[in-house]
Amino acid sequence: MTSLYIIAGYLLLLIGLGIVSNRFSKGTSADFFVVSRTVGSFLLLMSIFGTTMTGFALVGSTGKAYTSGIGTYGLMASWSGLIHSAVFFLVGIRLWAVGKKHGYLTQCEYFRNRYDAPAIGYILFPILILLLIPYLLVGVIAAGKFIQASTKGMFPEQFELLLPNGNPHPLSGGIPPELGGGAICAIVLFYVFFGGLRGAVWANTFQTIVFMVTGIIAFYMISNKLGGLQAASQAVLESDFAKPRAAREGMIGQAQFFTYCFIPLSVGMFPHLFQHWLTAKSAKTFKLTVVAHPIFIMIVWVPCILIGIWAAAHVGPLGPGQSPNSILGRMVESLVHSPVLSGLVGAGVLAAIMSSLDSQFMCLGTMFTRDIVIRKFGEDRFTDQQKVLIARGFILLIVALTYGLACALMDTAQVFALGVWCFSGFAGLFPLIVGSVYWKGTTKAGAISCILVTATVWCILFYHDIIAVKPAGAEEDELLIAGMMPVTLIIAASAITLVVVSLLTKKPSDTTLKKFFA
């Protein structure tokens, strides 16, 4: 039980961090929503990196490498390392400057003024929620599955689990994923509820340090238990199940591999990243993030991918009722035999998951308050304390909704697949943000049409891949269009709509252009 005690102690430490961050609050809505725009270089790097590294990056990538092979690194990590930093530099700094100049706190505020379209906030807000829900589910499901795998056998009587044939389940005795995911939601809710974005930034910084350090420790311990890097890799080559994954034989097509490069463009439209950008003290604050972000991605992703490949040889084929989402937890539980180290590694994985959930919950509360309530009833209708209270209430509602959906999908949803679909939707809106920053000819009608077309195409493709019943034997197949990722079609439809409609409709006023392109 030592490892469980360490994880519990870590979660209690986060609660304490939320209480302390609340003591530093200035009591204003600006401080609650964007930390009064005072975040320096180090905190910005750690909070942004922690926000982008989710259960998708750790639990999801390990499970994906287990099923699809070493090419998983090239699918996301290598593309992300280059594209994320480029987006931060080309888009993030410009949005920070505009946001600081005009006092924006959310994406919808920016787009509403940039396109001189009061209705665009009401259109964009529900679509952003629709796209964020899969992202939130990734975190809760990944946390629940990891906790169950990490605690298997600890509670044999309380949480007995049997296979359909009556034999004990490999994860029997572990804390049920619904209970573990609920605990994580509650902890994140607490420090965001009381600390606002300051609490999220501080927690993200602390959690990023924790999961990077413990991830390196876990990688060392697992590789050591498998006989070292060479022995672990040799075992993969000698395994009939694992060898094709190491060689990428037929696992990932060339067009599929190349079109994955569009998915990291999603960071340009993440509403929680937009909010983190606005916390920066100055434009120079972005330098460290642009330079160090690709290095940090490599440090986190390489160990996770290798552990997933090694698991294909060490664990072998999964039996009925077992999910690739549990692979990382099973490798840690079975190979890191020190209870103290197991607890630290478990805390590190949960740190990565929680460092994204907090920012996402926070941005949804901010958008609801600023873009729906205040927009409807007026800025002067509410005091700062009332604005914070409204945001907290909506955060509570979103947490409850996310937890309910996660419980319903806990045994069926794939963390990596949900993450890819979430990113694909936001990537589809990337032409909208690029047009707003670089093209004076982008019009209100073009922007609204772009949003609606992107949402429609995404919903249709998401339904066919995730919701619709697939033929027998095709349940695990990734949806491809002419061998390419669906994000290719989504971005193409979005960009073409934006350009064509903008060329055919009334141009923005000179006043608007001077305001944003001075």
Protein backbone atom coordinates (compact mmCIF):
# COMPACT_ATOMS: atom_id res chain seq x y z
CA MET A 1 0.00 0.00 0.00
CA THR A 2 3.03 2.29 0.21
CA SER A 3 2.73 3.42 -3.40
CA LEU A 4 -0.95 4.26 -2.89
CA TYR A 5 -0.09 6.32 0.19
CA ILE A 6 2.49 8.28 -1.80
CA ILE A 7 -0.03 9.03 -4.55
CA ALA A 8 -2.60 10.10 -1.95
CA GLY A 9 0.00 12.33 -0.28
CA TYR A 10 0.79 13.93 -3.62
CA LEU A 11 -2.88 14.67 -4.24
CA LEU A 12 -3.17 16.21 -0.79
CA LEU A 13 -0.15 18.37 -1.62
CA LEU A 14 -2.03 19.71 -4.65
CA ILE A 15 -4.95 20.61 -2.41
CA GLY A 16 -2.55 22.54 -0.22
CA LEU A 17 -1.14 24.28 -3.29
CA GLY A 18 -4.64 25.41 -4.20
CA ILE A 19 -5.15 26.87 -0.73
CA VAL A 20 -1.81 28.71 -0.84
CA SER A 21 -2.45 30.12 -4.35
CA ASN A 22 -5.78 31.45 -3.10
CA ARG A 23 -3.93 33.43 -0.41
CA PHE A 24 -1.96 35.23 -3.15
CA SER A 25 -5.08 36.13 -5.11
CA LYS A 26 -5.77 39.85 -5.56
CA GLY A 27 -9.48 39.16 -5.49
CA THR A 28 -10.11 40.56 -8.98
CA SER A 29 -11.61 38.75 -11.95
CA ALA A 30 -8.50 39.61 -14.02
CA ASP A 31 -6.33 37.86 -11.44
CA PHE A 32 -8.65 34.84 -11.34
CA PHE A 33 -8.81 34.52 -15.13
CA VAL A 34 -5.31 35.56 -16.36
CA VAL A 35 -3.14 35.99 -13.21
CA SER A 36 -3.09 39.76 -13.83
CA ARG A 37 -0.82 39.07 -16.87
CA THR A 38 2.28 38.70 -14.65
CA VAL A 39 3.61 35.21 -15.52
CA GLY A 40 7.35 35.03 -16.29
CA SER A 41 9.35 32.86 -18.72
CA PHE A 42 9.81 29.77 -16.56
CA LEU A 43 6.22 29.58 -15.33
CA LEU A 44 4.92 30.16 -18.87
CA LEU A 45 7.05 27.32 -20.27
CA MET A 46 6.07 24.89 -17.54
CA SER A 47 2.39 25.75 -17.57
CA ILE A 48 2.09 25.59 -21.39
CA PHE A 49 4.06 22.37 -21.65
CA GLY A 50 2.15 20.82 -18.77
CA THR A 51 -1.11 21.82 -20.44
CA THR A 52 -0.17 20.21 -23.78
CA MET A 53 1.13 16.98 -22.18
CA THR A 54 -2.00 15.06 -21.21
CA GLY A 55 -3.05 11.49 -20.58
CA PHE A 56 -2.92 11.37 -24.39
CA ALA A 57 0.85 11.94 -24.29
CA LEU A 58 1.63 9.38 -21.57
CA VAL A 59 -1.09 6.78 -21.22
CA GLY A 60 -2.38 7.20 -24.79
CA SER A 61 0.99 7.16 -26.55
CA THR A 62 2.14 4.09 -24.62
CA GLY A 63 -1.05 2.23 -25.55
CA LYS A 64 -0.80 3.38 -29.17
CA ALA A 65 2.85 2.28 -29.42
CA TYR A 66 1.80 -1.09 -28.02
CA THR A 67 -0.81 -1.54 -30.76
CA SER A 68 0.70 0.36 -33.72
CA GLY A 69 4.45 0.35 -33.17
CA ILE A 70 7.41 2.68 -33.02
CA GLY A 71 5.96 4.88 -35.75
CA THR A 72 3.70 6.40 -33.08
CA TYR A 73 6.57 8.72 -32.18
CA GLY A 74 6.70 10.07 -35.70
CA LEU A 75 2.93 10.49 -35.83
CA MET A 76 2.72 13.03 -33.04
CA ALA A 77 5.91 13.75 -31.12
CA SER A 78 8.24 14.64 -33.98
CA TRP A 79 5.61 16.76 -35.74
CA SER A 80 4.51 18.39 -32.48
CA GLY A 81 8.04 19.33 -31.46
CA LEU A 82 8.43 21.47 -34.57
CA ILE A 83 4.90 22.71 -35.17
CA HIS A 84 4.01 23.68 -31.59
CA SER A 85 6.95 26.05 -31.29
CA ALA A 86 6.24 27.52 -34.72
CA VAL A 87 2.63 28.22 -33.72
CA PHE A 88 3.70 29.77 -30.41
CA PHE A 89 6.06 32.09 -32.29
CA LEU A 90 3.91 32.96 -35.31
CA VAL A 91 0.50 33.10 -33.65
CA GLY A 92 0.84 33.06 -29.87
CA ILE A 93 2.94 36.21 -29.52
CA ARG A 94 0.68 38.21 -31.83
CA LEU A 95 -2.44 37.13 -29.93
CA TRP A 96 -0.77 37.98 -26.63
CA ALA A 97 -0.02 41.50 -27.93
CA VAL A 98 -3.57 42.04 -29.16
CA GLY A 99 -5.04 40.56 -25.98
CA LYS A 100 -2.98 42.79 -23.74
CA LYS A 101 -3.68 45.90 -25.81
CA HIS A 102 -7.45 45.43 -25.81
CA GLY A 103 -7.92 43.55 -22.53
CA TYR A 104 -9.18 40.27 -23.99
CA LEU A 105 -9.57 37.22 -21.76
CA THR A 106 -11.03 34.67 -24.19
CA GLN A 107 -10.89 33.64 -27.84
CA CYS A 108 -14.53 34.55 -28.40
CA GLU A 109 -13.91 38.13 -27.26
CA TYR A 110 -11.04 38.42 -29.70
CA PHE A 111 -12.92 36.95 -32.67
CA ARG A 112 -16.03 38.99 -31.92
CA ASN A 113 -14.05 42.23 -32.17
CA ARG A 114 -11.67 41.13 -34.92
CA TYR A 115 -14.51 40.23 -37.27
CA ASP A 116 -16.94 42.82 -35.91
CA ALA A 117 -19.45 40.01 -35.41
CA PRO A 118 -21.36 40.04 -32.07
CA ALA A 119 -22.94 36.66 -32.85
CA ILE A 120 -19.68 34.82 -33.45
CA GLY A 121 -19.14 34.24 -29.73
CA TYR A 122 -22.49 32.47 -29.37
CA ILE A 123 -21.67 30.29 -32.39
CA LEU A 124 -18.10 29.47 -31.38
CA PHE A 125 -18.67 28.84 -27.66
CA PRO A 126 -20.74 25.62 -27.96
CA ILE A 127 -18.44 24.33 -30.70
CA LEU A 128 -15.37 24.83 -28.50
CA ILE A 129 -17.14 22.94 -25.71
CA LEU A 130 -18.04 20.15 -28.15
CA LEU A 131 -14.39 19.81 -29.15
CA LEU A 132 -13.06 20.09 -25.60
CA ILE A 133 -15.27 17.35 -24.17
CA PRO A 134 -13.24 14.54 -25.84
CA TYR A 135 -10.08 16.23 -24.52
CA LEU A 136 -11.48 16.23 -20.99
CA LEU A 137 -12.58 12.62 -21.33
CA VAL A 138 -9.02 11.66 -22.33
CA GLY A 139 -7.73 12.94 -19.00
CA VAL A 140 -10.38 11.37 -16.78
CA ILE A 141 -10.36 7.99 -18.55
CA ALA A 142 -6.54 7.86 -18.62
CA ALA A 143 -6.37 8.67 -14.90
CA GLY A 144 -8.96 6.06 -13.98
CA LYS A 145 -7.35 3.32 -16.05
CA PHE A 146 -3.86 4.08 -14.78
CA ILE A 147 -4.96 4.07 -11.14
CA GLN A 148 -6.75 0.74 -11.61
CA ALA A 149 -3.69 -0.89 -13.21
CA SER A 150 -1.34 0.58 -10.61
CA THR A 151 -3.40 -0.65 -7.63
CA LYS A 152 -4.39 -4.10 -8.89
CA GLY A 153 -4.46 -6.68 -6.12
CA MET A 154 -4.47 -4.09 -3.31
CA PHE A 155 -8.18 -4.55 -2.55
CA PRO A 156 -8.98 -8.17 -3.50
CA GLU A 157 -12.22 -8.35 -1.52
CA GLN A 158 -13.58 -4.85 -2.08
CA PHE A 159 -12.91 -4.64 -5.83
CA GLU A 160 -12.93 -8.22 -7.10
CA LEU A 161 -13.18 -8.38 -10.89
CA LEU A 162 -13.85 -11.51 -12.97
CA LEU A 163 -13.55 -12.34 -16.66
CA PRO A 164 -16.61 -13.67 -18.56
CA ASN A 165 -15.30 -17.23 -18.04
CA GLY A 166 -15.23 -16.75 -14.27
CA ASN A 167 -11.46 -16.45 -13.88
CA PRO A 168 -9.92 -13.47 -12.02
CA HIS A 169 -9.39 -10.41 -14.19
CA PRO A 170 -5.72 -9.26 -14.49
CA LEU A 171 -6.76 -5.96 -12.88
CA SER A 172 -8.84 -7.52 -10.11
CA GLY A 173 -8.43 -5.82 -6.76
CA GLY A 174 -7.53 -2.48 -8.29
CA ILE A 175 -9.41 0.71 -7.56
CA PRO A 176 -12.24 0.94 -10.15
CA PRO A 177 -11.50 3.50 -12.87
CA GLU A 178 -14.74 5.33 -12.11
CA LEU A 179 -13.62 5.87 -8.52
CA GLY A 180 -10.07 6.85 -9.48
CA GLY A 181 -11.25 9.23 -12.21
CA GLY A 182 -13.72 10.79 -9.79
CA ALA A 183 -10.99 11.44 -7.23
CA ILE A 184 -8.83 13.17 -9.86
CA CYS A 185 -11.76 15.36 -10.96
CA ALA A 186 -12.38 16.36 -7.36
CA ILE A 187 -8.74 17.31 -6.70
CA VAL A 188 -8.46 19.38 -9.90
CA LEU A 189 -11.79 21.03 -9.17
CA PHE A 190 -10.59 22.04 -5.71
CA TYR A 191 -7.42 23.90 -6.62
CA VAL A 192 -8.96 25.49 -9.72
CA PHE A 193 -12.06 26.46 -7.76
CA PHE A 194 -10.06 28.31 -5.13
CA GLY A 195 -6.89 29.32 -6.96
CA GLY A 196 -8.22 30.22 -10.41
CA LEU A 197 -5.69 30.30 -13.23
CA ARG A 198 -2.95 31.18 -10.72
CA GLY A 199 -3.62 27.86 -9.00
CA ALA A 200 -3.56 26.09 -12.37
CA VAL A 201 -0.26 27.75 -13.39
CA TRP A 202 1.42 26.91 -10.09
CA ALA A 203 0.06 23.36 -10.13
CA ASN A 204 1.09 22.88 -13.77
CA THR A 205 4.63 24.02 -13.01
CA PHE A 206 4.93 21.69 -10.04
CA GLN A 207 3.29 18.80 -11.88
CA THR A 208 5.44 19.24 -15.00
CA ILE A 209 8.58 18.94 -12.90
CA VAL A 210 7.14 15.88 -11.15
CA PHE A 211 6.08 13.95 -14.25
CA MET A 212 9.29 14.69 -16.17
CA VAL A 213 11.54 13.59 -13.31
CA THR A 214 9.48 10.53 -12.40
CA GLY A 215 9.09 9.61 -16.07
CA ILE A 216 12.87 9.42 -16.45
CA ILE A 217 13.07 7.34 -13.26
CA ALA A 218 10.33 4.98 -14.49
CA PHE A 219 12.02 4.56 -17.85
CA TYR A 220 15.32 3.72 -16.18
CA MET A 221 13.72 1.25 -13.77
CA ILE A 222 11.67 -0.52 -16.46
CA SER A 223 14.57 -0.78 -18.91
CA ASN A 224 16.81 -2.04 -16.11
CA LYS A 225 14.29 -4.74 -15.12
CA LEU A 226 14.07 -5.83 -18.75
CA GLY A 227 17.86 -6.23 -18.90
CA GLY A 228 18.77 -2.85 -20.37
CA LEU A 229 17.95 -1.11 -23.63
CA GLN A 230 19.58 -3.72 -25.84
CA ALA A 231 17.98 -6.72 -24.10
CA ALA A 232 14.54 -5.10 -24.03
CA SER A 233 14.75 -4.30 -27.73
CA GLN A 234 16.04 -7.78 -28.57
CA ALA A 235 13.04 -9.30 -26.78
CA VAL A 236 10.78 -7.27 -29.06
CA LEU A 237 12.54 -8.62 -32.17
CA GLU A 238 12.15 -12.18 -30.87
CA SER A 239 8.43 -11.81 -30.19
CA ASP A 240 6.01 -12.72 -32.98
CA PHE A 241 3.47 -10.27 -31.56
CA ALA A 242 5.88 -7.36 -30.97
CA LYS A 243 8.24 -7.61 -33.95
CA PRO A 244 5.85 -6.19 -36.61
CA ARG A 245 5.24 -3.19 -34.36
CA ALA A 246 8.93 -2.51 -34.01
CA ALA A 247 9.42 -2.70 -37.77
CA ARG A 248 6.21 -0.73 -38.55
CA GLU A 249 5.30 -3.40 -41.11
CA GLY A 250 1.89 -2.45 -42.45
CA MET A 251 0.99 -0.59 -39.29
CA ILE A 252 1.04 3.00 -40.58
CA GLY A 253 0.66 4.11 -44.21
CA GLN A 254 2.81 6.85 -45.75
CA ALA A 255 -0.10 9.22 -46.45
CA GLN A 256 -1.44 8.60 -42.95
CA PHE A 257 1.97 9.32 -41.43
CA PHE A 258 2.44 12.54 -43.39
CA THR A 259 -1.05 13.95 -42.74
CA TYR A 260 -0.60 13.55 -38.99
CA CYS A 261 1.43 16.77 -39.33
CA PHE A 262 -1.84 18.74 -39.46
CA ILE A 263 -2.97 17.57 -36.03
CA PRO A 264 -0.43 19.60 -33.94
CA LEU A 265 -1.81 22.78 -35.55
CA SER A 266 -4.58 22.38 -32.99
CA VAL A 267 -2.50 24.26 -30.38
CA GLY A 268 -3.23 27.46 -32.28
CA MET A 269 -6.93 27.16 -31.45
CA PHE A 270 -6.91 25.60 -27.98
CA PRO A 271 -8.91 28.05 -25.82
CA HIS A 272 -6.95 27.05 -22.70
CA LEU A 273 -3.63 27.78 -24.45
CA PHE A 274 -4.99 31.14 -25.62
CA GLN A 275 -5.71 31.95 -21.99
CA HIS A 276 -2.23 30.85 -20.90
CA TRP A 277 -0.63 33.03 -23.59
CA LEU A 278 -2.46 36.04 -22.15
CA THR A 279 -0.82 35.50 -18.74
CA ALA A 280 2.66 36.34 -20.11
CA LYS A 281 4.39 39.38 -18.69
CA SER A 282 5.93 40.43 -22.04
CA ALA A 283 6.68 39.16 -25.55
CA LYS A 284 10.19 38.17 -24.44
CA THR A 285 8.58 35.74 -22.00
CA PHE A 286 7.80 33.46 -24.98
CA LYS A 287 11.48 32.91 -25.90
CA LEU A 288 12.13 30.08 -23.46
CA THR A 289 8.90 28.32 -24.42
CA VAL A 290 9.65 28.43 -28.16
CA VAL A 291 13.17 27.03 -27.66
CA ALA A 292 12.63 24.46 -24.91
CA HIS A 293 9.23 23.04 -25.85
CA PRO A 294 10.53 20.60 -28.54
CA ILE A 295 13.23 19.34 -26.17
CA PHE A 296 10.69 18.71 -23.42
CA ILE A 297 8.45 16.81 -25.86
CA MET A 298 11.33 14.48 -26.73
CA ILE A 299 12.15 13.89 -23.05
CA VAL A 300 8.56 12.82 -22.34
CA TRP A 301 7.55 10.97 -25.51
CA VAL A 302 10.63 8.83 -26.21
CA PRO A 303 10.41 6.84 -22.93
CA CYS A 304 6.63 6.36 -23.30
CA ILE A 305 6.92 5.05 -26.87
CA LEU A 306 9.72 2.64 -25.98
CA ILE A 307 7.81 1.35 -22.94
CA GLY A 308 4.81 0.69 -25.20
CA ILE A 309 6.99 -1.25 -27.68
CA TRP A 310 8.62 -3.26 -24.91
CA ALA A 311 5.18 -4.01 -23.45
CA ALA A 312 4.20 -5.75 -26.69
CA ALA A 313 6.89 -8.34 -25.90
CA HIS A 314 6.59 -8.32 -22.10
CA VAL A 315 2.78 -8.35 -21.80
CA GLY A 316 1.90 -10.00 -25.11
CA PRO A 317 -1.60 -9.91 -26.64
CA LEU A 318 -4.32 -8.47 -24.42
CA GLY A 319 -7.12 -10.73 -23.34
CA PRO A 320 -10.87 -10.02 -23.41
CA GLY A 321 -11.92 -6.95 -21.45
CA GLN A 322 -8.40 -5.49 -21.38
CA SER A 323 -7.57 -2.08 -22.80
CA PRO A 324 -4.32 -0.63 -24.21
CA ASN A 325 -5.01 2.33 -21.91
CA SER A 326 -3.80 0.19 -19.01
CA ILE A 327 -0.43 -0.74 -20.56
CA LEU A 328 1.64 1.97 -18.84
CA GLY A 329 0.13 1.19 -15.45
CA ARG A 330 0.71 -2.54 -15.93
CA MET A 331 4.35 -2.04 -16.90
CA VAL A 332 4.98 0.17 -13.89
CA GLU A 333 3.16 -2.19 -11.53
CA SER A 334 4.86 -5.35 -12.78
CA LEU A 335 8.43 -4.07 -13.25
CA VAL A 336 8.98 -1.22 -10.79
CA HIS A 337 8.90 -3.34 -7.65
CA SER A 338 9.95 -0.61 -5.22
CA PRO A 339 6.74 0.66 -3.56
CA VAL A 340 8.26 4.11 -3.11
CA LEU A 341 9.32 4.42 -6.74
CA SER A 342 5.99 2.99 -7.93
CA GLY A 343 4.20 5.64 -5.91
CA LEU A 344 6.39 8.42 -7.29
CA VAL A 345 5.93 7.21 -10.86
CA GLY A 346 2.19 6.95 -10.33
CA ALA A 347 2.12 10.50 -9.00
CA GLY A 348 4.09 11.63 -12.05
CA VAL A 349 1.63 10.10 -14.52
CA LEU A 350 -1.32 11.62 -12.69
CA ALA A 351 0.53 14.94 -12.66
CA ALA A 352 0.69 14.94 -16.46
CA ILE A 353 -3.00 14.14 -16.70
CA MET A 354 -4.11 16.74 -14.16
CA SER A 355 -1.92 19.50 -15.58
CA SER A 356 -4.21 19.58 -18.62
CA LEU A 357 -7.55 19.08 -16.93
CA ASP A 358 -7.14 22.15 -14.73
CA SER A 359 -6.47 24.54 -17.62
CA GLN A 360 -9.34 23.14 -19.64
CA PHE A 361 -11.83 23.45 -16.79
CA MET A 362 -10.58 26.95 -16.10
CA CYS A 363 -10.92 28.17 -19.68
CA LEU A 364 -14.48 26.87 -19.97
CA GLY A 365 -15.47 28.74 -16.82
CA THR A 366 -13.83 31.89 -18.17
CA MET A 367 -15.55 31.64 -21.56
CA PHE A 368 -18.98 31.05 -20.05
CA THR A 369 -18.60 34.04 -17.76
CA ARG A 370 -17.16 36.45 -20.32
CA ASP A 371 -18.78 35.30 -23.56
CA ILE A 372 -22.25 34.28 -22.42
CA VAL A 373 -23.23 35.83 -19.08
CA ILE A 374 -21.42 39.18 -19.23
CA ARG A 375 -22.07 39.51 -22.95
CA LYS A 376 -25.78 39.00 -22.31
CA PHE A 377 -26.23 41.13 -19.18
CA GLY A 378 -23.39 43.67 -19.41
CA GLU A 379 -19.94 44.20 -17.87
CA ASP A 380 -21.20 46.47 -15.09
CA ARG A 381 -24.00 44.17 -13.98
CA PHE A 382 -21.68 42.01 -11.86
CA THR A 383 -18.96 42.64 -9.32
CA ASP A 384 -15.58 40.89 -9.60
CA GLN A 385 -16.62 38.46 -6.86
CA GLN A 386 -19.83 37.61 -8.72
CA LYS A 387 -17.92 37.00 -11.97
CA VAL A 388 -15.61 34.59 -10.18
CA LEU A 389 -18.62 32.84 -8.59
CA ILE A 390 -20.30 32.41 -11.99
CA ALA A 391 -17.11 30.89 -13.43
CA ARG A 392 -16.82 28.51 -10.50
CA GLY A 393 -20.42 27.37 -10.91
CA PHE A 394 -19.95 26.56 -14.59
CA ILE A 395 -16.67 24.75 -13.88
CA LEU A 396 -18.54 22.59 -11.37
CA LEU A 397 -21.18 21.79 -14.00
CA ILE A 398 -18.56 20.87 -16.63
CA VAL A 399 -16.67 18.64 -14.19
CA ALA A 400 -19.88 16.78 -13.35
CA LEU A 401 -20.76 16.35 -17.05
CA THR A 402 -17.26 15.16 -17.93
CA TYR A 403 -17.20 12.66 -15.11
CA GLY A 404 -20.58 11.23 -16.10
CA LEU A 405 -19.53 10.77 -19.72
CA ALA A 406 -16.17 9.29 -18.69
CA CYS A 407 -17.90 6.67 -16.53
CA ALA A 408 -20.16 5.73 -19.45
CA LEU A 409 -17.23 5.39 -21.87
CA MET A 410 -14.56 4.08 -19.46
CA ASP A 411 -14.41 0.57 -20.91
CA THR A 412 -14.93 1.38 -24.59
CA ALA A 413 -13.15 4.65 -25.46
CA GLN A 414 -9.53 4.66 -26.63
CA VAL A 415 -7.51 7.50 -25.12
CA PHE A 416 -5.35 8.01 -28.21
CA ALA A 417 -8.30 7.96 -30.63
CA LEU A 418 -10.30 10.47 -28.57
CA GLY A 419 -7.26 12.73 -28.34
CA VAL A 420 -6.68 12.64 -32.09
CA TRP A 421 -10.30 13.56 -32.79
CA CYS A 422 -10.20 16.44 -30.33
CA PHE A 423 -7.00 17.78 -31.90
CA SER A 424 -8.40 17.30 -35.41
CA GLY A 425 -11.36 19.54 -34.63
CA PHE A 426 -9.22 22.34 -33.26
CA ALA A 427 -6.76 21.95 -36.13
CA GLY A 428 -9.68 22.40 -38.50
CA LEU A 429 -10.25 25.86 -37.00
CA PHE A 430 -6.60 26.83 -37.43
CA PRO A 431 -7.26 28.70 -40.73
CA LEU A 432 -9.64 30.92 -38.76
CA ILE A 433 -6.93 32.07 -36.35
CA VAL A 434 -4.32 32.47 -39.10
CA GLY A 435 -6.71 34.53 -41.20
CA SER A 436 -7.52 36.77 -38.26
CA VAL A 437 -3.84 37.50 -37.60
CA TYR A 438 -2.35 37.70 -41.10
CA TRP A 439 -5.07 38.35 -43.70
CA LYS A 440 -6.86 41.70 -43.69
CA GLY A 441 -9.35 40.38 -46.23
CA THR A 442 -10.93 37.83 -43.87
CA THR A 443 -14.59 38.79 -43.44
CA LYS A 444 -17.29 38.20 -40.86
CA ALA A 445 -19.23 35.94 -43.21
CA GLY A 446 -16.06 34.02 -44.05
CA ALA A 447 -15.25 33.46 -40.38
CA ILE A 448 -18.75 32.29 -39.45
CA SER A 449 -18.95 30.00 -42.49
CA CYS A 450 -15.54 28.54 -41.64
CA ILE A 451 -16.65 27.71 -38.09
CA LEU A 452 -19.93 26.09 -39.17
CA VAL A 453 -18.37 24.04 -41.98
CA THR A 454 -15.57 22.81 -39.70
CA ALA A 455 -18.02 21.74 -37.00
CA THR A 456 -20.28 19.98 -39.52
CA VAL A 457 -17.49 18.02 -41.23
CA TRP A 458 -15.96 17.09 -37.86
CA CYS A 459 -19.27 15.81 -36.46
CA ILE A 460 -19.96 13.67 -39.53
CA LEU A 461 -16.51 12.06 -39.52
CA PHE A 462 -16.44 11.66 -35.73
CA TYR A 463 -19.79 9.87 -35.84
CA HIS A 464 -18.61 7.40 -38.49
CA ASP A 465 -15.38 6.63 -36.63
CA ILE A 466 -16.35 6.66 -32.95
CA ILE A 467 -20.13 6.37 -32.58
CA ALA A 468 -21.42 4.35 -35.55
CA VAL A 469 -21.37 0.57 -35.25
CA LYS A 470 -18.52 -0.87 -37.32
CA PRO A 471 -18.43 -4.20 -39.14
CA ALA A 472 -17.06 -7.14 -37.21
CA GLY A 473 -13.27 -7.06 -37.12
CA ALA A 474 -13.02 -3.36 -37.98
CA GLU A 475 -13.58 -1.97 -34.49
CA GLU A 476 -9.95 -1.00 -34.03
CA ASP A 477 -9.33 0.40 -37.51
CA GLU A 478 -8.52 4.10 -37.66
CA LEU A 479 -10.73 6.07 -40.05
CA LEU A 480 -8.76 7.11 -43.14
CA ILE A 481 -9.87 9.03 -46.24
CA ALA A 482 -7.90 8.01 -49.33
CA GLY A 483 -5.24 6.80 -46.93
CA MET A 484 -5.07 10.19 -45.17
CA MET A 485 -6.13 11.30 -41.71
CA PRO A 486 -9.61 12.90 -41.49
CA VAL A 487 -7.99 16.13 -40.27
CA THR A 488 -6.81 16.68 -43.86
CA LEU A 489 -10.39 16.93 -45.14
CA ILE A 490 -11.46 19.05 -42.17
CA ILE A 491 -8.68 21.62 -42.68
CA ALA A 492 -9.23 21.69 -46.44
CA ALA A 493 -12.96 22.34 -46.02
CA SER A 494 -12.26 25.00 -43.40
CA ALA A 495 -9.60 26.87 -45.39
CA ILE A 496 -11.48 26.77 -48.69
CA THR A 497 -14.67 28.03 -47.05
CA LEU A 498 -12.84 30.85 -45.28
CA VAL A 499 -11.08 32.05 -48.44
CA VAL A 500 -13.97 31.70 -50.90
CA VAL A 501 -16.63 33.29 -48.70
CA SER A 502 -14.27 36.11 -47.65
CA LEU A 503 -13.51 36.92 -51.29
CA LEU A 504 -17.22 37.11 -52.10
CA THR A 505 -18.45 39.15 -49.14
CA LYS A 506 -18.08 42.63 -47.70
CA LYS A 507 -14.60 43.49 -46.39
CA PRO A 508 -13.95 44.59 -42.77
CA SER A 509 -14.20 48.29 -41.99
CA ASP A 510 -11.10 50.49 -41.94
CA THR A 511 -11.67 51.06 -38.24
CA THR A 512 -11.46 47.33 -37.53
CA LEU A 513 -8.36 46.88 -39.67
CA LYS A 514 -6.55 49.79 -38.01
CA LYS A 515 -7.40 48.36 -34.62
CA PHE A 516 -5.82 44.98 -35.34
CA PHE A 517 -3.18 45.71 -37.99
CA ALA A 518 -1.73 49.00 -36.80
